[in-house]
Amino acid sequence: MLMRDLLIAGFVLCGVIIGVLIALGELPRSRIASSAHLFGHILRTRSGTVTVVLFWWWVGWHFLVAPH
């Protein structure tokens, strides 16, 4: 049970860090790229597009599919 709690806490911490970076990227004159700029840069290449699609597939499979 302890390992599961640590894993969940790690995911929550990563989510909070990502949220803070996205918020900082939206501030005027920020040195951090906005999420729109970042995804625009990633999606310029076919390998970037495939990676994003596979990531979203993985997220959907692991978090949205109901177990049998």
Protein backbone atom coordinates (compact mmCIF):
# COMPACT_ATOMS: atom_id res chain seq x y z
CA MET A 1 0.00 0.00 0.00
CA LEU A 2 2.86 2.38 0.77
CA MET A 3 4.40 1.97 -2.70
CA ARG A 4 1.05 2.74 -4.37
CA ASP A 5 0.68 5.90 -2.27
CA LEU A 6 4.19 7.02 -3.21
CA LEU A 7 3.45 6.40 -6.88
CA ILE A 8 0.23 8.40 -6.74
CA ALA A 9 2.02 11.22 -4.90
CA GLY A 10 4.73 11.23 -7.58
CA PHE A 11 2.15 11.53 -10.36
CA VAL A 12 0.36 14.33 -8.51
CA LEU A 13 3.67 16.15 -8.01
CA CYS A 14 4.49 15.83 -11.73
CA GLY A 15 1.03 17.16 -12.60
CA VAL A 16 1.47 20.15 -10.29
CA ILE A 17 4.90 20.93 -11.75
CA ILE A 18 3.53 20.72 -15.31
CA GLY A 19 0.62 22.98 -14.33
CA VAL A 20 2.98 25.57 -12.85
CA LEU A 21 5.19 25.52 -15.95
CA ILE A 22 2.15 25.96 -18.22
CA ALA A 23 0.94 28.89 -16.10
CA LEU A 24 4.39 30.49 -16.13
CA GLY A 25 4.60 30.06 -19.91
CA GLU A 26 1.42 32.09 -20.37
CA LEU A 27 2.77 35.13 -18.51
CA PRO A 28 3.84 38.10 -20.64
CA ARG A 29 7.58 38.23 -21.41
CA SER A 30 8.13 34.79 -19.90
CA ARG A 31 11.30 32.91 -20.83
CA ILE A 32 9.35 29.64 -20.64
CA ALA A 33 7.64 28.60 -23.88
CA SER A 34 3.86 28.55 -23.86
CA SER A 35 2.16 25.19 -24.27
CA ALA A 36 0.82 26.24 -27.69
CA HIS A 37 4.32 27.13 -28.88
CA LEU A 38 5.74 23.89 -27.47
CA PHE A 39 3.12 21.66 -29.12
CA GLY A 40 3.42 23.60 -32.36
CA HIS A 41 7.14 22.89 -32.38
CA ILE A 42 6.68 19.21 -31.49
CA LEU A 43 3.94 18.61 -34.08
CA ARG A 44 5.99 19.99 -36.99
CA THR A 45 7.60 16.61 -37.54
CA ARG A 46 5.99 13.26 -38.26
CA SER A 47 7.89 11.60 -35.40
CA GLY A 48 6.64 14.25 -32.98
CA THR A 49 3.05 13.76 -34.14
CA VAL A 50 3.33 9.97 -33.81
CA THR A 51 4.80 10.35 -30.33
CA VAL A 52 1.98 12.64 -29.17
CA VAL A 53 -0.68 10.29 -30.61
CA LEU A 54 0.92 7.24 -28.97
CA PHE A 55 1.15 9.09 -25.66
CA TRP A 56 -2.54 10.02 -25.77
CA TRP A 57 -3.40 6.41 -26.71
CA TRP A 58 -1.39 5.18 -23.71
CA VAL A 59 -3.11 7.65 -21.34
CA GLY A 60 -6.53 6.66 -22.65
CA TRP A 61 -5.78 2.96 -22.39
CA HIS A 62 -4.48 3.13 -18.84
CA PHE A 63 -6.85 5.65 -17.32
CA LEU A 64 -10.06 5.59 -19.35
CA VAL A 65 -10.61 1.91 -20.19
CA ALA A 66 -12.66 0.14 -17.52
CA PRO A 67 -11.10 -3.08 -16.22
CA HIS A 68 -13.04 -6.30 -16.88
